[in-house]
């Protein structure tokens, strides 16, 4: 492979996977006799990769499932805090962090882990929470299936004589996103809360 083509391929892989995937050593290795096929460092790199056996996935990909899962849950927290906005967040942040987020984190981890051992690398958190009075916080997207597998929402409930509550819940693709799976609630006030992201 031509050196410029190899560099372009490595750069493209790195950009497309946001640095989560490290291209195999044989793509980044320099060759001694480019194009002649005799005793190249490229061939040595291939032999080394084969000899790693069971640990090849982690060595080649540089992938740690727990770290990636932590990245997903941190992204979920970030999206939720962004959704709440600068006017709501300061008043509910402590309760969100102590009560809601641990349950949200548990739900995200359970959804991802039920999908298989190497699953986290295929999941992403969408970055388009709905503003105004819309419920959507984020969706969990499975790139293998090309579809959303869960939708996390927060709804405003106005209960007579009590006031406004924020109801955090999620929906799953397995039942057509119909059923509500509760995460928890946070009390706001008797006055109407500002719009999301306001």
N, C-alpha and C. Protein backbone atom coordinates (compact mmCIF):
# COMPACT_ATOMS: atom_id res chain seq x y z
N UNK A 1 0.85 -1.18 0.00
CA UNK A 1 0.00 0.00 0.00
C UNK A 1 0.90 1.24 0.00
N UNK A 2 0.53 2.19 -0.77
CA UNK A 2 1.30 3.44 -0.87
C UNK A 2 1.26 4.16 0.48
N UNK A 3 2.40 4.80 0.87
CA UNK A 3 2.45 5.49 2.17
C UNK A 3 1.37 6.56 2.34
N UNK A 4 1.09 7.33 1.31
CA UNK A 4 0.08 8.38 1.44
C UNK A 4 -1.30 7.78 1.62
N UNK A 5 -1.54 6.62 0.98
CA UNK A 5 -2.84 5.97 1.11
C UNK A 5 -3.00 5.40 2.52
N UNK A 6 -1.92 4.85 3.06
CA UNK A 6 -1.93 4.30 4.41
C UNK A 6 -2.22 5.40 5.43
N UNK A 7 -1.54 6.54 5.28
CA UNK A 7 -1.74 7.66 6.20
C UNK A 7 -3.18 8.18 6.12
N UNK A 8 -3.71 8.27 4.92
CA UNK A 8 -5.09 8.73 4.74
C UNK A 8 -6.07 7.76 5.39
N UNK A 9 -5.82 6.46 5.25
CA UNK A 9 -6.69 5.45 5.84
C UNK A 9 -6.66 5.53 7.37
N UNK A 10 -5.47 5.67 7.94
CA UNK A 10 -5.32 5.78 9.39
C UNK A 10 -6.05 7.03 9.89
N UNK A 11 -5.87 8.15 9.22
CA UNK A 11 -6.53 9.39 9.63
C UNK A 11 -8.04 9.26 9.54
N UNK A 12 -8.53 8.64 8.46
CA UNK A 12 -9.98 8.48 8.27
C UNK A 12 -10.57 7.60 9.37
N UNK A 13 -9.91 6.49 9.69
CA UNK A 13 -10.41 5.59 10.73
C UNK A 13 -10.44 6.31 12.07
N UNK A 14 -9.40 7.05 12.38
CA UNK A 14 -9.32 7.75 13.66
C UNK A 14 -10.42 8.80 13.77
N UNK A 15 -10.65 9.57 12.72
CA UNK A 15 -11.68 10.62 12.75
C UNK A 15 -13.07 10.02 12.84
N UNK A 16 -13.33 8.99 12.06
CA UNK A 16 -14.68 8.39 12.03
C UNK A 16 -15.05 7.74 13.36
N UNK A 17 -14.08 7.24 14.09
CA UNK A 17 -14.38 6.58 15.36
C UNK A 17 -14.08 7.48 16.55
N UNK A 18 -13.83 8.75 16.30
CA UNK A 18 -13.54 9.73 17.35
C UNK A 18 -12.40 9.29 18.26
N UNK A 19 -11.43 8.58 17.69
CA UNK A 19 -10.25 8.17 18.43
C UNK A 19 -10.46 6.95 19.32
N UNK A 20 -11.68 6.37 19.33
CA UNK A 20 -11.96 5.21 20.18
C UNK A 20 -11.33 3.95 19.61
N UNK A 21 -11.02 3.94 18.34
CA UNK A 21 -10.44 2.78 17.67
C UNK A 21 -9.06 3.14 17.18
N UNK A 22 -8.08 2.36 17.57
CA UNK A 22 -6.71 2.58 17.11
C UNK A 22 -6.47 1.65 15.93
N UNK A 23 -6.11 2.19 14.76
CA UNK A 23 -5.89 1.33 13.60
C UNK A 23 -4.84 0.27 13.88
N UNK A 24 -4.98 -0.90 13.25
CA UNK A 24 -4.02 -1.98 13.47
C UNK A 24 -2.60 -1.54 13.16
N UNK A 25 -1.64 -2.21 13.81
CA UNK A 25 -0.23 -1.84 13.67
C UNK A 25 0.25 -1.95 12.23
N UNK A 26 -0.30 -2.89 11.45
CA UNK A 26 0.18 -3.06 10.08
C UNK A 26 -0.20 -1.88 9.17
N UNK A 27 -1.13 -1.06 9.59
CA UNK A 27 -1.46 0.14 8.80
C UNK A 27 -0.52 1.30 9.11
N UNK A 28 -0.03 1.34 10.33
CA UNK A 28 0.83 2.46 10.72
C UNK A 28 2.32 2.14 10.64
N UNK A 29 2.65 0.86 10.43
CA UNK A 29 4.07 0.46 10.39
C UNK A 29 4.74 0.94 9.11
N UNK A 30 6.00 1.30 9.23
CA UNK A 30 6.82 1.67 8.08
C UNK A 30 7.36 0.39 7.45
N UNK A 31 7.51 0.36 6.16
CA UNK A 31 8.07 -0.81 5.51
C UNK A 31 9.47 -0.50 5.01
N UNK A 32 10.34 -1.54 5.04
CA UNK A 32 11.71 -1.35 4.58
C UNK A 32 11.81 -1.36 3.07
N UNK A 33 11.17 -2.33 2.45
CA UNK A 33 11.24 -2.46 0.99
C UNK A 33 9.83 -2.34 0.43
N UNK A 34 9.26 -1.17 0.45
CA UNK A 34 7.89 -0.93 0.04
C UNK A 34 7.65 -1.48 -1.35
N UNK A 35 6.64 -2.33 -1.46
CA UNK A 35 6.25 -2.86 -2.76
C UNK A 35 7.01 -4.10 -3.17
N UNK A 36 8.10 -4.48 -2.51
CA UNK A 36 8.87 -5.63 -2.91
C UNK A 36 8.49 -6.87 -2.13
N UNK A 37 7.87 -6.74 -0.96
CA UNK A 37 7.36 -7.86 -0.19
C UNK A 37 8.43 -8.66 0.54
N UNK A 38 9.67 -8.22 0.60
CA UNK A 38 10.72 -8.99 1.25
C UNK A 38 11.04 -8.43 2.63
N UNK A 39 10.78 -9.23 3.69
CA UNK A 39 11.12 -8.88 5.07
C UNK A 39 10.72 -7.45 5.45
N UNK A 40 9.49 -7.13 5.36
CA UNK A 40 9.04 -5.79 5.74
C UNK A 40 8.63 -5.78 7.20
N UNK A 41 8.67 -4.62 7.81
CA UNK A 41 8.19 -4.48 9.18
C UNK A 41 6.69 -4.75 9.23
N UNK A 42 6.04 -4.52 8.10
CA UNK A 42 4.62 -4.78 8.00
C UNK A 42 4.34 -6.25 8.26
N UNK A 43 5.11 -7.15 7.65
CA UNK A 43 4.91 -8.58 7.85
C UNK A 43 5.17 -8.96 9.30
N UNK A 44 6.19 -8.40 9.91
CA UNK A 44 6.49 -8.69 11.31
C UNK A 44 5.34 -8.25 12.20
N UNK A 45 4.74 -7.11 11.88
CA UNK A 45 3.59 -6.61 12.65
C UNK A 45 2.42 -7.56 12.56
N UNK A 46 2.19 -8.15 11.40
CA UNK A 46 1.10 -9.11 11.23
C UNK A 46 1.34 -10.35 12.08
N UNK A 47 2.58 -10.86 12.08
CA UNK A 47 2.88 -12.03 12.88
C UNK A 47 2.68 -11.73 14.36
N UNK A 48 3.06 -10.54 14.79
CA UNK A 48 2.91 -10.15 16.18
C UNK A 48 1.44 -10.08 16.57
N UNK A 49 0.62 -9.56 15.66
CA UNK A 49 -0.81 -9.47 15.94
C UNK A 49 -1.42 -10.86 16.07
N UNK A 50 -1.04 -11.78 15.20
CA UNK A 50 -1.56 -13.14 15.26
C UNK A 50 -1.18 -13.83 16.56
N UNK A 51 0.02 -13.57 17.05
CA UNK A 51 0.50 -14.27 18.24
C UNK A 51 -0.15 -13.77 19.53
N UNK A 52 -0.87 -12.65 19.49
CA UNK A 52 -1.49 -12.14 20.71
C UNK A 52 -2.69 -12.95 21.12
N UNK A 53 -3.29 -13.71 20.22
CA UNK A 53 -4.37 -14.62 20.55
C UNK A 53 -5.60 -13.94 21.09
N UNK A 54 -6.05 -14.39 22.28
CA UNK A 54 -7.31 -13.91 22.85
C UNK A 54 -7.29 -12.43 23.17
N UNK A 55 -6.13 -11.87 23.51
CA UNK A 55 -6.04 -10.47 23.84
C UNK A 55 -5.99 -9.56 22.64
N UNK A 56 -6.16 -10.12 21.43
CA UNK A 56 -6.01 -9.35 20.21
C UNK A 56 -7.00 -8.18 20.12
N UNK A 57 -8.25 -8.41 20.54
CA UNK A 57 -9.25 -7.36 20.45
C UNK A 57 -8.80 -6.12 21.22
N UNK A 58 -8.38 -6.30 22.45
CA UNK A 58 -7.98 -5.14 23.25
C UNK A 58 -6.68 -4.53 22.75
N UNK A 59 -5.74 -5.37 22.31
CA UNK A 59 -4.46 -4.85 21.83
C UNK A 59 -4.65 -4.08 20.54
N UNK A 60 -5.40 -4.68 19.61
CA UNK A 60 -5.57 -4.05 18.31
C UNK A 60 -6.50 -2.84 18.38
N UNK A 61 -7.61 -3.00 19.09
CA UNK A 61 -8.59 -1.92 19.11
C UNK A 61 -8.27 -0.86 20.16
N UNK A 62 -7.54 -1.22 21.19
CA UNK A 62 -7.31 -0.28 22.28
C UNK A 62 -8.62 0.06 22.97
N UNK A 63 -9.50 -0.94 23.11
CA UNK A 63 -10.86 -0.73 23.57
C UNK A 63 -11.05 -1.29 24.97
N UNK A 64 -11.57 -0.49 25.86
CA UNK A 64 -11.89 -0.94 27.21
C UNK A 64 -13.38 -0.70 27.41
N UNK A 65 -14.12 -1.78 27.54
CA UNK A 65 -15.57 -1.73 27.63
C UNK A 65 -16.06 -0.85 28.79
N UNK A 66 -15.40 -0.95 29.96
CA UNK A 66 -15.82 -0.16 31.12
C UNK A 66 -15.60 1.34 30.88
N UNK A 67 -14.48 1.69 30.27
CA UNK A 67 -14.22 3.10 29.98
C UNK A 67 -15.24 3.65 29.00
N UNK A 68 -15.57 2.87 27.98
CA UNK A 68 -16.52 3.34 26.98
C UNK A 68 -17.91 3.47 27.59
N UNK A 69 -18.27 2.54 28.46
CA UNK A 69 -19.56 2.61 29.15
C UNK A 69 -19.62 3.84 30.05
N UNK A 70 -18.52 4.14 30.71
CA UNK A 70 -18.44 5.35 31.54
C UNK A 70 -18.60 6.60 30.67
N UNK A 71 -17.99 6.58 29.48
CA UNK A 71 -18.14 7.70 28.55
C UNK A 71 -19.59 7.88 28.15
N UNK A 72 -20.30 6.77 27.89
CA UNK A 72 -21.72 6.84 27.54
C UNK A 72 -22.54 7.45 28.66
N UNK A 73 -22.31 6.99 29.89
CA UNK A 73 -23.11 7.50 31.00
C UNK A 73 -22.79 8.97 31.30
N UNK A 74 -21.54 9.36 31.14
CA UNK A 74 -21.18 10.78 31.32
C UNK A 74 -21.86 11.64 30.26
N UNK A 75 -21.93 11.13 29.03
CA UNK A 75 -22.61 11.85 27.94
C UNK A 75 -24.10 11.97 28.25
N UNK A 76 -24.68 10.91 28.82
CA UNK A 76 -26.10 10.94 29.21
C UNK A 76 -26.34 12.02 30.26
N UNK A 77 -25.43 12.10 31.25
CA UNK A 77 -25.56 13.12 32.30
C UNK A 77 -25.43 14.51 31.71
N UNK A 78 -24.46 14.69 30.83
CA UNK A 78 -24.23 15.98 30.19
C UNK A 78 -25.46 16.43 29.38
N UNK A 79 -26.05 15.50 28.64
CA UNK A 79 -27.23 15.83 27.82
C UNK A 79 -28.42 16.19 28.72
N UNK A 80 -28.57 15.49 29.84
CA UNK A 80 -29.68 15.78 30.74
C UNK A 80 -29.52 17.15 31.39
N UNK A 81 -28.31 17.46 31.81
CA UNK A 81 -28.07 18.77 32.42
C UNK A 81 -28.27 19.89 31.40
N UNK A 82 -27.87 19.63 30.15
CA UNK A 82 -28.09 20.61 29.08
C UNK A 82 -29.58 20.81 28.85
N UNK A 83 -30.34 19.71 28.88
CA UNK A 83 -31.79 19.77 28.68
C UNK A 83 -32.45 20.60 29.79
N UNK A 84 -32.03 20.42 31.03
CA UNK A 84 -32.64 21.17 32.14
C UNK A 84 -32.40 22.66 32.00
N UNK A 85 -31.25 23.04 31.50
CA UNK A 85 -30.97 24.44 31.22
C UNK A 85 -30.52 25.23 32.44
N UNK A 86 -30.00 26.44 32.19
CA UNK A 86 -29.42 27.24 33.27
C UNK A 86 -30.42 27.80 34.28
N UNK A 87 -31.70 27.80 33.95
CA UNK A 87 -32.68 28.33 34.91
C UNK A 87 -33.24 27.23 35.82
N UNK A 88 -33.33 26.01 35.32
CA UNK A 88 -33.88 24.91 36.11
C UNK A 88 -32.77 24.18 36.87
N UNK A 89 -31.66 23.92 36.19
CA UNK A 89 -30.60 23.09 36.74
C UNK A 89 -30.10 23.53 38.13
N UNK A 90 -29.82 24.81 38.37
CA UNK A 90 -29.29 25.17 39.70
C UNK A 90 -30.22 24.79 40.85
N UNK A 91 -31.52 24.76 40.60
CA UNK A 91 -32.48 24.46 41.67
C UNK A 91 -32.69 22.96 41.89
N UNK A 92 -32.36 22.13 40.88
CA UNK A 92 -32.61 20.69 41.01
C UNK A 92 -31.34 19.84 40.88
N UNK A 93 -30.19 20.48 40.68
CA UNK A 93 -28.95 19.75 40.39
C UNK A 93 -28.58 18.75 41.48
N UNK A 94 -28.66 19.15 42.75
CA UNK A 94 -28.28 18.24 43.83
C UNK A 94 -29.14 16.98 43.85
N UNK A 95 -30.45 17.18 43.74
CA UNK A 95 -31.36 16.03 43.74
C UNK A 95 -31.18 15.18 42.48
N UNK A 96 -30.94 15.84 41.34
CA UNK A 96 -30.69 15.10 40.10
C UNK A 96 -29.46 14.22 40.25
N UNK A 97 -28.37 14.79 40.77
CA UNK A 97 -27.11 14.07 40.91
C UNK A 97 -27.22 12.93 41.92
N UNK A 98 -27.95 13.16 43.01
CA UNK A 98 -28.05 12.16 44.07
C UNK A 98 -29.08 11.07 43.81
N UNK A 99 -30.20 11.42 43.17
CA UNK A 99 -31.31 10.46 43.04
C UNK A 99 -31.52 9.98 41.61
N UNK A 100 -31.65 10.90 40.69
CA UNK A 100 -32.03 10.54 39.31
C UNK A 100 -30.87 9.95 38.52
N UNK A 101 -29.71 10.62 38.54
CA UNK A 101 -28.61 10.15 37.69
C UNK A 101 -28.15 8.73 38.00
N UNK A 102 -28.01 8.32 39.28
CA UNK A 102 -27.60 6.93 39.52
C UNK A 102 -28.55 5.91 38.90
N UNK A 103 -29.86 6.19 38.94
CA UNK A 103 -30.84 5.27 38.34
C UNK A 103 -30.76 5.32 36.81
N UNK A 104 -30.51 6.51 36.27
CA UNK A 104 -30.35 6.66 34.82
C UNK A 104 -29.10 5.91 34.36
N UNK A 105 -28.03 6.06 35.11
CA UNK A 105 -26.77 5.39 34.80
C UNK A 105 -26.96 3.87 34.82
N UNK A 106 -27.68 3.38 35.82
CA UNK A 106 -27.96 1.96 35.94
C UNK A 106 -28.77 1.45 34.75
N UNK A 107 -29.76 2.23 34.32
CA UNK A 107 -30.59 1.84 33.17
C UNK A 107 -29.76 1.79 31.89
N UNK A 108 -28.89 2.78 31.67
CA UNK A 108 -28.03 2.81 30.47
C UNK A 108 -27.10 1.60 30.48
N UNK A 109 -26.46 1.33 31.62
CA UNK A 109 -25.55 0.19 31.71
C UNK A 109 -26.26 -1.12 31.46
N UNK A 110 -27.46 -1.28 32.02
CA UNK A 110 -28.22 -2.51 31.85
C UNK A 110 -28.59 -2.71 30.38
N UNK A 111 -29.05 -1.64 29.72
CA UNK A 111 -29.41 -1.75 28.30
C UNK A 111 -28.23 -2.16 27.45
N UNK A 112 -27.09 -1.56 27.70
CA UNK A 112 -25.91 -1.85 26.90
C UNK A 112 -25.38 -3.25 27.18
N UNK A 113 -25.31 -3.63 28.45
CA UNK A 113 -24.75 -4.93 28.80
C UNK A 113 -25.65 -6.09 28.35
N UNK A 114 -26.94 -5.87 28.28
CA UNK A 114 -27.84 -6.93 27.81
C UNK A 114 -27.64 -7.21 26.33
N UNK A 115 -26.96 -6.32 25.64
CA UNK A 115 -26.76 -6.48 24.20
C UNK A 115 -25.51 -7.28 23.84
N UNK A 116 -24.67 -7.64 24.79
CA UNK A 116 -23.51 -8.47 24.50
C UNK A 116 -22.22 -7.89 25.04
N UNK A 117 -21.16 -8.72 25.00
CA UNK A 117 -19.87 -8.35 25.58
C UNK A 117 -19.22 -7.14 24.93
N UNK A 118 -19.19 -7.09 23.60
CA UNK A 118 -18.51 -6.00 22.90
C UNK A 118 -19.48 -4.89 22.51
N UNK A 119 -20.67 -4.89 23.12
CA UNK A 119 -21.72 -3.98 22.71
C UNK A 119 -21.44 -2.49 22.88
N UNK A 120 -20.79 -2.03 23.95
CA UNK A 120 -20.68 -0.59 24.15
C UNK A 120 -20.13 0.18 22.96
N UNK A 121 -19.24 -0.43 22.21
CA UNK A 121 -18.64 0.28 21.08
C UNK A 121 -19.66 0.60 20.00
N UNK A 122 -20.78 -0.10 19.99
CA UNK A 122 -21.80 0.10 18.96
C UNK A 122 -22.88 1.10 19.38
N UNK A 123 -22.82 1.58 20.62
CA UNK A 123 -23.86 2.47 21.11
C UNK A 123 -23.39 3.92 21.16
N UNK A 124 -24.35 4.82 20.95
CA UNK A 124 -24.05 6.24 21.06
C UNK A 124 -25.25 6.95 21.67
N UNK A 125 -24.99 8.14 22.21
CA UNK A 125 -26.02 8.98 22.81
C UNK A 125 -26.28 10.12 21.83
N UNK A 126 -27.55 10.32 21.48
CA UNK A 126 -27.87 11.41 20.56
C UNK A 126 -27.72 12.75 21.25
N UNK A 127 -27.50 13.79 20.46
CA UNK A 127 -27.22 15.12 21.02
C UNK A 127 -28.29 16.14 20.66
N UNK A 128 -29.52 15.74 20.61
CA UNK A 128 -30.57 16.68 20.21
C UNK A 128 -31.76 16.67 21.16
N UNK A 129 -31.57 17.14 22.42
CA UNK A 129 -32.72 17.20 23.32
C UNK A 129 -33.74 18.21 22.80
N UNK A 130 -35.01 17.93 23.06
CA UNK A 130 -36.04 18.86 22.60
C UNK A 130 -36.13 20.03 23.55
N UNK A 131 -36.35 21.19 22.99
CA UNK A 131 -36.47 22.41 23.80
C UNK A 131 -37.94 22.69 24.07
N UNK A 132 -38.21 23.83 24.68
CA UNK A 132 -39.59 24.22 24.95
C UNK A 132 -40.20 23.34 26.02
N UNK A 133 -41.25 22.60 25.65
CA UNK A 133 -41.90 21.70 26.59
C UNK A 133 -41.80 20.24 26.15
N UNK A 134 -41.02 19.96 25.09
CA UNK A 134 -40.83 18.59 24.61
C UNK A 134 -40.16 17.72 25.65
N UNK A 135 -40.38 16.40 25.59
CA UNK A 135 -39.89 15.49 26.61
C UNK A 135 -38.50 14.92 26.34
N UNK A 136 -38.08 14.81 25.10
CA UNK A 136 -36.87 14.07 24.76
C UNK A 136 -35.61 14.65 25.39
N UNK A 137 -34.83 13.80 26.08
CA UNK A 137 -33.51 14.18 26.61
C UNK A 137 -32.46 13.66 25.63
N UNK A 138 -32.45 12.34 25.43
CA UNK A 138 -31.53 11.71 24.48
C UNK A 138 -32.06 10.32 24.12
N UNK A 139 -31.53 9.78 23.04
CA UNK A 139 -31.83 8.42 22.63
C UNK A 139 -30.53 7.63 22.67
N UNK A 140 -30.63 6.33 22.90
CA UNK A 140 -29.48 5.45 22.77
C UNK A 140 -29.62 4.76 21.43
N UNK A 141 -28.62 4.96 20.58
CA UNK A 141 -28.65 4.45 19.20
C UNK A 141 -27.68 3.28 19.07
N UNK A 142 -28.15 2.19 18.46
CA UNK A 142 -27.32 1.01 18.20
C UNK A 142 -26.93 1.04 16.72
N UNK A 143 -25.65 1.25 16.44
CA UNK A 143 -25.20 1.37 15.04
C UNK A 143 -25.23 0.03 14.32
N UNK A 144 -25.18 -1.09 15.04
CA UNK A 144 -25.27 -2.41 14.38
C UNK A 144 -26.64 -2.58 13.75
N UNK A 145 -27.68 -2.21 14.49
CA UNK A 145 -29.04 -2.36 14.00
C UNK A 145 -29.51 -1.14 13.22
N UNK A 146 -28.79 -0.03 13.39
CA UNK A 146 -29.16 1.20 12.71
C UNK A 146 -30.44 1.82 13.23
N UNK A 147 -30.70 1.64 14.54
CA UNK A 147 -31.94 2.20 15.10
C UNK A 147 -31.74 2.54 16.57
N UNK A 148 -32.68 3.33 17.10
CA UNK A 148 -32.68 3.67 18.51
C UNK A 148 -33.22 2.49 19.30
N UNK A 149 -32.58 2.18 20.43
CA UNK A 149 -33.09 1.09 21.26
C UNK A 149 -33.76 1.60 22.53
N UNK A 150 -33.50 2.87 22.89
CA UNK A 150 -34.14 3.45 24.07
C UNK A 150 -34.24 4.96 23.90
N UNK A 151 -35.29 5.52 24.48
CA UNK A 151 -35.51 6.96 24.45
C UNK A 151 -35.73 7.43 25.89
N UNK A 152 -34.87 8.34 26.34
CA UNK A 152 -34.96 8.88 27.70
C UNK A 152 -35.66 10.23 27.65
N UNK A 153 -36.67 10.39 28.51
CA UNK A 153 -37.51 11.59 28.51
C UNK A 153 -37.64 12.17 29.92
N UNK A 154 -38.04 13.44 29.95
CA UNK A 154 -38.45 14.07 31.20
C UNK A 154 -39.75 14.83 30.89
N UNK A 155 -40.76 14.56 31.70
CA UNK A 155 -42.08 15.16 31.50
C UNK A 155 -42.40 16.08 32.67
N UNK A 156 -43.14 17.14 32.38
CA UNK A 156 -43.62 18.04 33.44
C UNK A 156 -45.02 17.58 33.84
N UNK A 157 -45.20 17.31 35.10
CA UNK A 157 -46.51 16.92 35.62
C UNK A 157 -47.01 18.03 36.53
N UNK A 158 -48.22 18.51 36.29
CA UNK A 158 -48.84 19.52 37.15
C UNK A 158 -49.93 18.83 37.95
N UNK A 159 -49.63 18.56 39.21
CA UNK A 159 -50.57 17.85 40.07
C UNK A 159 -51.37 18.86 40.89
N UNK A 160 -52.68 18.75 40.86
CA UNK A 160 -53.51 19.69 41.63
C UNK A 160 -53.11 19.69 43.12
N UNK A 161 -53.04 20.85 43.69
CA UNK A 161 -52.71 21.11 45.08
C UNK A 161 -51.25 20.81 45.43
N UNK A 162 -50.49 20.23 44.52
CA UNK A 162 -49.09 19.91 44.81
C UNK A 162 -48.12 20.82 44.06
N UNK A 163 -48.40 21.02 42.79
CA UNK A 163 -47.50 21.81 41.97
C UNK A 163 -46.86 20.98 40.87
N UNK A 164 -45.73 21.45 40.39
CA UNK A 164 -45.06 20.82 39.24
C UNK A 164 -43.97 19.83 39.66
N UNK A 165 -43.94 18.72 38.97
CA UNK A 165 -42.94 17.68 39.17
C UNK A 165 -42.28 17.39 37.83
N UNK A 166 -41.01 17.01 37.87
CA UNK A 166 -40.31 16.54 36.67
C UNK A 166 -40.23 15.02 36.77
N UNK A 167 -40.85 14.34 35.82
CA UNK A 167 -40.89 12.89 35.80
C UNK A 167 -39.89 12.36 34.77
N UNK A 168 -38.83 11.70 35.24
CA UNK A 168 -37.80 11.12 34.37
C UNK A 168 -38.15 9.67 34.10
N UNK A 169 -38.14 9.28 32.83
CA UNK A 169 -38.48 7.92 32.45
C UNK A 169 -37.83 7.59 31.11
N UNK A 170 -37.95 6.32 30.69
CA UNK A 170 -37.45 5.94 29.37
C UNK A 170 -38.39 4.95 28.72
N UNK A 171 -38.24 4.80 27.42
CA UNK A 171 -39.04 3.88 26.62
C UNK A 171 -38.08 2.96 25.87
N UNK A 172 -38.52 1.74 25.58
CA UNK A 172 -37.69 0.77 24.88
C UNK A 172 -38.28 0.41 23.51
N UNK A 173 -37.40 0.07 22.57
CA UNK A 173 -37.84 -0.31 21.23
C UNK A 173 -38.55 -1.66 21.25
N UNK A 174 -38.27 -2.50 22.25
CA UNK A 174 -38.86 -3.84 22.31
C UNK A 174 -40.39 -3.81 22.39
N UNK A 175 -40.97 -2.73 22.94
CA UNK A 175 -42.43 -2.63 23.00
C UNK A 175 -42.94 -1.46 22.16
N UNK A 176 -42.14 -1.04 21.20
CA UNK A 176 -42.55 0.06 20.32
C UNK A 176 -42.53 1.41 21.01
N UNK A 177 -41.74 1.57 22.05
CA UNK A 177 -41.60 2.81 22.81
C UNK A 177 -42.92 3.23 23.46
N UNK A 178 -43.76 2.26 23.79
CA UNK A 178 -45.07 2.57 24.39
C UNK A 178 -45.02 2.66 25.91
N UNK A 179 -44.39 1.69 26.57
CA UNK A 179 -44.41 1.63 28.03
C UNK A 179 -43.41 2.61 28.65
N UNK A 180 -43.79 3.18 29.79
CA UNK A 180 -42.91 4.06 30.56
C UNK A 180 -42.16 3.24 31.60
N UNK A 181 -40.84 3.38 31.63
CA UNK A 181 -40.02 2.77 32.66
C UNK A 181 -39.51 3.91 33.53
N UNK A 182 -40.04 4.01 34.74
CA UNK A 182 -39.75 5.14 35.60
C UNK A 182 -38.32 5.13 36.12
N UNK A 183 -37.74 6.33 36.16
CA UNK A 183 -36.42 6.54 36.74
C UNK A 183 -36.59 7.27 38.08
N UNK A 184 -37.45 8.29 38.10
CA UNK A 184 -37.69 9.03 39.33
C UNK A 184 -38.31 10.38 39.06
N UNK A 185 -38.60 11.11 40.13
CA UNK A 185 -39.23 12.42 40.02
C UNK A 185 -38.51 13.44 40.89
N UNK A 186 -38.60 14.69 40.45
CA UNK A 186 -38.06 15.81 41.23
C UNK A 186 -39.17 16.87 41.31
N UNK A 187 -39.41 17.33 42.53
CA UNK A 187 -40.41 18.38 42.73
C UNK A 187 -39.82 19.73 42.32
N UNK A 188 -40.63 20.53 41.61
CA UNK A 188 -40.19 21.85 41.19
C UNK A 188 -40.73 22.91 42.14
N UNK A 189 -42.02 23.23 42.00
CA UNK A 189 -42.63 24.32 42.77
C UNK A 189 -44.09 24.37 42.36
N UNK A 190 -44.86 25.25 43.00
CA UNK A 190 -46.25 25.42 42.58
C UNK A 190 -46.33 26.32 41.35
N UNK A 191 -45.30 27.10 41.13
CA UNK A 191 -45.26 27.96 39.94
C UNK A 191 -44.76 27.15 38.74
N UNK A 192 -45.23 27.56 37.55
CA UNK A 192 -44.84 26.86 36.33
C UNK A 192 -43.32 27.01 36.09
N UNK A 193 -42.63 25.89 35.79
CA UNK A 193 -41.19 25.99 35.53
C UNK A 193 -40.91 26.64 34.18
N UNK A 194 -39.71 27.19 34.00
CA UNK A 194 -39.35 27.74 32.70
C UNK A 194 -39.27 26.63 31.65
N UNK A 195 -39.21 27.01 30.39
CA UNK A 195 -39.09 26.01 29.33
C UNK A 195 -37.72 25.36 29.39
N UNK A 196 -37.62 24.14 28.84
CA UNK A 196 -36.36 23.42 28.82
C UNK A 196 -35.29 24.22 28.07
N UNK A 197 -34.08 24.16 28.53
CA UNK A 197 -32.91 24.80 27.94
C UNK A 197 -32.99 26.32 27.94
N UNK A 198 -33.94 26.88 28.73
CA UNK A 198 -34.10 28.34 28.78
C UNK A 198 -33.13 28.95 29.75
